[in-house]
Amino acid sequence: KIVAGQLDRALEAFPVRAAKTGMLYNAAIIRVVARHQFKKLVVDPVMVASSGARLLKPNAVAALCAELLPLALVVTPKVSEKSGPRSRNSPTSCTTRVTSAQQSPVARSSRRAW
């Protein structure tokens, strides 16, 4: 509820034309973002910290794959996350979709330090 309220207030106050996600933590937060149907959405599926700690709850993987990635214009996973989310229910796994974004020059350039 807190994230939904914050997002609603920000969208009321500013003319948002594009959005980029970061760590979304759980399925409820992912669904809040997906519900807003941003026309230009960059999804950075932050799943694992550089220390190796998991940042994405197990219940969030299915929501990420089914609800948020299909809305993404660009997906920018870290190289270390390419073994990330897997969907057992789909012949085209979420991992394949996330890691295929690694091949995009846009995805690679978005990870550079500016």
N, C-alpha and C. Protein backbone atom coordinates (compact mmCIF):
# COMPACT_ATOMS: atom_id res chain seq x y z
N LYS A 1 0.82 -1.20 0.00
CA LYS A 1 0.00 0.00 0.00
C LYS A 1 0.87 1.26 0.00
N ILE A 2 1.97 1.20 0.72
CA ILE A 2 2.84 2.37 0.80
C ILE A 2 3.44 2.69 -0.56
N VAL A 3 3.95 1.67 -1.24
CA VAL A 3 4.57 1.89 -2.56
C VAL A 3 3.52 2.38 -3.55
N ALA A 4 2.33 1.78 -3.53
CA ALA A 4 1.26 2.20 -4.44
C ALA A 4 0.91 3.66 -4.20
N GLY A 5 0.79 4.07 -2.96
CA GLY A 5 0.48 5.46 -2.63
C GLY A 5 1.57 6.41 -3.09
N GLN A 6 2.82 6.02 -2.87
CA GLN A 6 3.92 6.88 -3.29
C GLN A 6 3.95 7.03 -4.81
N LEU A 7 3.75 5.92 -5.50
CA LEU A 7 3.76 5.97 -6.97
C LEU A 7 2.59 6.80 -7.49
N ASP A 8 1.42 6.61 -6.91
CA ASP A 8 0.26 7.40 -7.32
C ASP A 8 0.50 8.89 -7.12
N ARG A 9 1.04 9.28 -5.97
CA ARG A 9 1.30 10.69 -5.69
C ARG A 9 2.33 11.27 -6.67
N ALA A 10 3.38 10.52 -6.95
CA ALA A 10 4.40 11.00 -7.89
C ALA A 10 3.82 11.19 -9.28
N LEU A 11 2.97 10.25 -9.71
CA LEU A 11 2.38 10.34 -11.05
C LEU A 11 1.35 11.47 -11.15
N GLU A 12 0.72 11.81 -10.03
CA GLU A 12 -0.21 12.94 -10.01
C GLU A 12 0.54 14.27 -10.06
N ALA A 13 1.72 14.30 -9.45
CA ALA A 13 2.47 15.55 -9.32
C ALA A 13 3.36 15.86 -10.53
N PHE A 14 3.78 14.83 -11.26
CA PHE A 14 4.74 15.03 -12.34
C PHE A 14 4.27 14.36 -13.62
N PRO A 15 4.57 14.96 -14.77
CA PRO A 15 4.22 14.34 -16.05
C PRO A 15 5.24 13.26 -16.41
N VAL A 16 5.05 12.07 -15.91
CA VAL A 16 6.01 10.97 -16.12
C VAL A 16 5.82 10.38 -17.52
N ARG A 17 6.89 10.41 -18.30
CA ARG A 17 6.82 9.86 -19.65
C ARG A 17 7.54 8.54 -19.78
N ALA A 18 8.38 8.22 -18.81
CA ALA A 18 9.12 6.96 -18.81
C ALA A 18 9.46 6.61 -17.37
N ALA A 19 9.71 5.31 -17.14
CA ALA A 19 10.06 4.87 -15.79
C ALA A 19 11.12 3.78 -15.87
N LYS A 20 11.92 3.69 -14.82
CA LYS A 20 12.92 2.64 -14.71
C LYS A 20 12.80 2.03 -13.32
N THR A 21 12.74 0.72 -13.27
CA THR A 21 12.66 0.04 -12.00
C THR A 21 14.06 -0.26 -11.47
N GLY A 22 14.09 -0.55 -10.20
CA GLY A 22 15.29 -1.04 -9.54
C GLY A 22 14.86 -2.26 -8.75
N MET A 23 15.33 -2.38 -7.52
CA MET A 23 14.96 -3.51 -6.69
C MET A 23 13.49 -3.38 -6.28
N LEU A 24 12.69 -4.36 -6.66
CA LEU A 24 11.26 -4.32 -6.36
C LEU A 24 10.86 -5.28 -5.24
N TYR A 25 11.72 -6.14 -4.81
CA TYR A 25 11.64 -6.98 -3.62
C TYR A 25 10.59 -8.09 -3.63
N ASN A 26 9.32 -7.78 -3.88
CA ASN A 26 8.32 -8.84 -3.80
C ASN A 26 7.25 -8.70 -4.88
N ALA A 27 6.40 -9.73 -4.97
CA ALA A 27 5.38 -9.76 -6.03
C ALA A 27 4.38 -8.62 -5.91
N ALA A 28 4.03 -8.22 -4.71
CA ALA A 28 3.05 -7.14 -4.54
C ALA A 28 3.57 -5.84 -5.13
N ILE A 29 4.83 -5.53 -4.90
CA ILE A 29 5.41 -4.30 -5.44
C ILE A 29 5.52 -4.38 -6.96
N ILE A 30 5.90 -5.53 -7.47
CA ILE A 30 5.99 -5.72 -8.93
C ILE A 30 4.62 -5.50 -9.56
N ARG A 31 3.58 -6.01 -8.94
CA ARG A 31 2.22 -5.85 -9.48
C ARG A 31 1.77 -4.39 -9.46
N VAL A 32 2.17 -3.65 -8.44
CA VAL A 32 1.83 -2.21 -8.38
C VAL A 32 2.45 -1.50 -9.57
N VAL A 33 3.71 -1.77 -9.85
CA VAL A 33 4.40 -1.12 -10.98
C VAL A 33 3.75 -1.55 -12.30
N ALA A 34 3.50 -2.84 -12.45
CA ALA A 34 2.91 -3.35 -13.69
C ALA A 34 1.53 -2.76 -13.95
N ARG A 35 0.77 -2.56 -12.90
CA ARG A 35 -0.59 -2.03 -13.03
C ARG A 35 -0.60 -0.63 -13.67
N HIS A 36 0.48 0.11 -13.53
CA HIS A 36 0.51 1.47 -14.08
C HIS A 36 0.77 1.50 -15.59
N GLN A 37 1.16 0.38 -16.17
CA GLN A 37 1.29 0.26 -17.63
C GLN A 37 2.08 1.42 -18.26
N PHE A 38 3.28 1.66 -17.79
CA PHE A 38 4.11 2.71 -18.37
C PHE A 38 4.38 2.39 -19.83
N LYS A 39 4.27 3.40 -20.69
CA LYS A 39 4.52 3.18 -22.11
C LYS A 39 6.00 2.95 -22.39
N LYS A 40 6.84 3.61 -21.63
CA LYS A 40 8.28 3.44 -21.77
C LYS A 40 8.82 3.00 -20.42
N LEU A 41 9.07 1.69 -20.33
CA LEU A 41 9.50 1.11 -19.06
C LEU A 41 10.82 0.38 -19.24
N VAL A 42 11.79 0.74 -18.43
CA VAL A 42 13.07 0.05 -18.37
C VAL A 42 13.05 -0.78 -17.10
N VAL A 43 13.25 -2.07 -17.22
CA VAL A 43 13.25 -2.96 -16.06
C VAL A 43 14.67 -3.40 -15.77
N ASP A 44 15.13 -3.03 -14.59
CA ASP A 44 16.43 -3.48 -14.09
C ASP A 44 16.11 -4.51 -13.02
N PRO A 45 16.11 -5.79 -13.38
CA PRO A 45 15.67 -6.81 -12.43
C PRO A 45 16.74 -7.09 -11.37
N VAL A 46 16.84 -6.21 -10.40
CA VAL A 46 17.83 -6.36 -9.34
C VAL A 46 17.41 -7.55 -8.49
N MET A 47 18.15 -8.65 -8.62
CA MET A 47 17.77 -9.88 -7.94
C MET A 47 18.78 -10.30 -6.88
N VAL A 48 20.05 -9.97 -7.10
CA VAL A 48 21.10 -10.42 -6.21
C VAL A 48 22.06 -9.26 -5.95
N ALA A 49 22.41 -9.06 -4.69
CA ALA A 49 23.38 -8.02 -4.33
C ALA A 49 24.77 -8.46 -4.74
N SER A 50 25.69 -7.52 -4.83
CA SER A 50 27.07 -7.87 -5.18
C SER A 50 27.68 -8.80 -4.14
N SER A 51 27.16 -8.80 -2.93
CA SER A 51 27.62 -9.71 -1.87
C SER A 51 27.09 -11.12 -2.06
N GLY A 52 26.12 -11.28 -2.96
CA GLY A 52 25.51 -12.58 -3.20
C GLY A 52 24.17 -12.76 -2.51
N ALA A 53 23.78 -11.82 -1.67
CA ALA A 53 22.49 -11.90 -0.97
C ALA A 53 21.35 -11.72 -1.97
N ARG A 54 20.32 -12.54 -1.82
CA ARG A 54 19.15 -12.43 -2.69
C ARG A 54 18.34 -11.21 -2.30
N LEU A 55 17.98 -10.40 -3.28
CA LEU A 55 17.20 -9.19 -3.03
C LEU A 55 15.77 -9.32 -3.53
N LEU A 56 15.50 -10.33 -4.30
CA LEU A 56 14.16 -10.55 -4.85
C LEU A 56 13.56 -11.78 -4.17
N LYS A 57 12.42 -11.60 -3.53
CA LYS A 57 11.76 -12.71 -2.85
C LYS A 57 11.41 -13.80 -3.86
N PRO A 58 11.45 -15.06 -3.42
CA PRO A 58 11.10 -16.15 -4.34
C PRO A 58 9.73 -15.99 -4.99
N ASN A 59 8.76 -15.45 -4.27
CA ASN A 59 7.42 -15.27 -4.85
C ASN A 59 7.38 -14.17 -5.90
N ALA A 60 8.42 -13.40 -6.01
CA ALA A 60 8.44 -12.29 -6.95
C ALA A 60 8.92 -12.70 -8.34
N VAL A 61 9.58 -13.82 -8.44
CA VAL A 61 10.14 -14.25 -9.72
C VAL A 61 9.04 -14.44 -10.76
N ALA A 62 7.99 -15.14 -10.40
CA ALA A 62 6.89 -15.37 -11.34
C ALA A 62 6.23 -14.06 -11.75
N ALA A 63 6.04 -13.15 -10.80
CA ALA A 63 5.43 -11.86 -11.13
C ALA A 63 6.34 -11.05 -12.04
N LEU A 64 7.62 -11.09 -11.80
CA LEU A 64 8.58 -10.38 -12.65
C LEU A 64 8.48 -10.90 -14.08
N CYS A 65 8.50 -12.22 -14.21
CA CYS A 65 8.48 -12.83 -15.55
C CYS A 65 7.14 -12.66 -16.27
N ALA A 66 6.05 -12.84 -15.55
CA ALA A 66 4.74 -12.83 -16.19
C ALA A 66 4.13 -11.45 -16.32
N GLU A 67 4.41 -10.57 -15.38
CA GLU A 67 3.69 -9.30 -15.34
C GLU A 67 4.52 -8.07 -15.70
N LEU A 68 5.81 -8.08 -15.39
CA LEU A 68 6.59 -6.87 -15.61
C LEU A 68 7.46 -6.94 -16.87
N LEU A 69 8.17 -8.05 -17.07
CA LEU A 69 9.03 -8.13 -18.24
C LEU A 69 8.30 -7.96 -19.57
N PRO A 70 7.07 -8.47 -19.71
CA PRO A 70 6.36 -8.24 -20.98
C PRO A 70 6.07 -6.76 -21.26
N LEU A 71 6.08 -5.93 -20.24
CA LEU A 71 5.81 -4.50 -20.42
C LEU A 71 7.07 -3.69 -20.71
N ALA A 72 8.22 -4.32 -20.55
CA ALA A 72 9.49 -3.59 -20.64
C ALA A 72 9.88 -3.26 -22.07
N LEU A 73 10.30 -2.03 -22.25
CA LEU A 73 10.90 -1.62 -23.51
C LEU A 73 12.35 -2.11 -23.55
N VAL A 74 13.02 -2.02 -22.41
CA VAL A 74 14.41 -2.46 -22.27
C VAL A 74 14.54 -3.17 -20.92
N VAL A 75 15.33 -4.25 -20.91
CA VAL A 75 15.65 -4.97 -19.68
C VAL A 75 17.16 -4.90 -19.50
N THR A 76 17.61 -4.52 -18.29
CA THR A 76 19.04 -4.30 -18.06
C THR A 76 19.56 -5.12 -16.88
N PRO A 77 19.63 -6.44 -17.03
CA PRO A 77 20.15 -7.26 -15.93
C PRO A 77 21.67 -7.15 -15.83
N LYS A 78 22.18 -7.39 -14.63
CA LYS A 78 23.63 -7.47 -14.45
C LYS A 78 24.08 -8.83 -14.97
N VAL A 79 25.33 -8.90 -15.40
CA VAL A 79 25.88 -10.16 -15.90
C VAL A 79 25.75 -11.24 -14.85
N SER A 80 25.97 -10.91 -13.59
CA SER A 80 25.89 -11.91 -12.52
C SER A 80 24.48 -12.43 -12.29
N GLU A 81 23.48 -11.76 -12.85
CA GLU A 81 22.09 -12.19 -12.67
C GLU A 81 21.59 -13.00 -13.86
N LYS A 82 22.46 -13.30 -14.80
CA LYS A 82 21.97 -13.99 -15.98
C LYS A 82 21.51 -15.41 -15.72
N SER A 83 21.86 -15.97 -14.59
CA SER A 83 21.31 -17.27 -14.23
C SER A 83 20.06 -17.09 -13.39
N GLY A 84 19.56 -15.87 -13.35
CA GLY A 84 18.44 -15.44 -12.52
C GLY A 84 17.14 -16.15 -12.79
N PRO A 85 16.03 -15.45 -12.72
CA PRO A 85 14.73 -16.11 -12.60
C PRO A 85 14.45 -17.13 -13.69
N ARG A 86 13.86 -18.21 -13.28
CA ARG A 86 13.49 -19.27 -14.22
C ARG A 86 12.00 -19.55 -14.06
N SER A 87 11.35 -19.76 -15.17
CA SER A 87 9.94 -20.12 -15.13
C SER A 87 9.81 -21.55 -15.61
N ARG A 88 9.37 -22.43 -14.75
CA ARG A 88 9.21 -23.84 -15.13
C ARG A 88 7.99 -24.02 -16.04
N ASN A 89 7.10 -23.07 -16.03
CA ASN A 89 5.84 -23.22 -16.77
C ASN A 89 5.91 -22.75 -18.21
N SER A 90 7.02 -22.18 -18.60
CA SER A 90 7.09 -21.60 -19.93
C SER A 90 8.25 -22.17 -20.72
N PRO A 91 8.01 -22.55 -21.99
CA PRO A 91 9.13 -23.03 -22.80
C PRO A 91 10.18 -21.95 -23.02
N THR A 92 9.75 -20.70 -23.05
CA THR A 92 10.69 -19.58 -23.14
C THR A 92 10.87 -19.08 -21.73
N SER A 93 11.96 -19.51 -21.12
CA SER A 93 12.14 -19.19 -19.71
C SER A 93 12.37 -17.71 -19.50
N CYS A 94 12.03 -17.28 -18.31
CA CYS A 94 12.29 -15.90 -17.93
C CYS A 94 13.79 -15.63 -17.99
N THR A 95 14.60 -16.61 -17.61
CA THR A 95 16.05 -16.45 -17.67
C THR A 95 16.49 -16.12 -19.08
N THR A 96 15.93 -16.82 -20.05
CA THR A 96 16.28 -16.57 -21.44
C THR A 96 15.92 -15.15 -21.83
N ARG A 97 14.74 -14.69 -21.42
CA ARG A 97 14.32 -13.33 -21.76
C ARG A 97 15.19 -12.29 -21.08
N VAL A 98 15.54 -12.54 -19.82
CA VAL A 98 16.39 -11.58 -19.10
C VAL A 98 17.79 -11.57 -19.70
N THR A 99 18.35 -12.74 -19.94
CA THR A 99 19.73 -12.77 -20.43
C THR A 99 19.84 -12.36 -21.89
N SER A 100 18.78 -12.54 -22.67
CA SER A 100 18.86 -12.10 -24.06
C SER A 100 18.99 -10.58 -24.13
N ALA A 101 18.52 -9.89 -23.12
CA ALA A 101 18.68 -8.44 -23.07
C ALA A 101 20.14 -8.06 -22.92
N GLN A 102 20.96 -8.98 -22.43
CA GLN A 102 22.40 -8.71 -22.30
C GLN A 102 23.02 -8.42 -23.66
N GLN A 103 22.46 -8.99 -24.71
CA GLN A 103 23.01 -8.83 -26.05
C GLN A 103 22.73 -7.46 -26.65
N SER A 104 21.80 -6.75 -26.07
CA SER A 104 21.41 -5.45 -26.60
C SER A 104 22.44 -4.38 -26.27
N PRO A 105 22.87 -3.59 -27.27
CA PRO A 105 23.80 -2.50 -26.98
C PRO A 105 23.20 -1.49 -26.00
N VAL A 106 21.88 -1.32 -26.02
CA VAL A 106 21.22 -0.40 -25.09
C VAL A 106 21.40 -0.91 -23.67
N ALA A 107 21.17 -2.20 -23.48
CA ALA A 107 21.30 -2.78 -22.14
C ALA A 107 22.74 -2.66 -21.66
N ARG A 108 23.69 -2.96 -22.53
CA ARG A 108 25.09 -2.88 -22.11
C ARG A 108 25.48 -1.45 -21.80
N SER A 109 25.08 -0.50 -22.62
CA SER A 109 25.48 0.88 -22.39
C SER A 109 24.84 1.47 -21.14
N SER A 110 23.65 0.97 -20.78
CA SER A 110 22.98 1.51 -19.61
C SER A 110 23.65 1.09 -18.31
N ARG A 111 24.53 0.12 -18.36
CA ARG A 111 25.23 -0.34 -17.17
C ARG A 111 26.57 0.36 -16.97
N ARG A 112 26.97 1.19 -17.90
CA ARG A 112 28.23 1.91 -17.75
C ARG A 112 28.11 2.98 -16.67
N ALA A 113 29.21 3.21 -16.02
CA ALA A 113 29.23 4.29 -15.03
C ALA A 113 29.32 5.62 -15.76
N TRP A 114 28.44 6.52 -15.46
CA TRP A 114 28.44 7.83 -16.12
C TRP A 114 29.15 8.76 -15.25
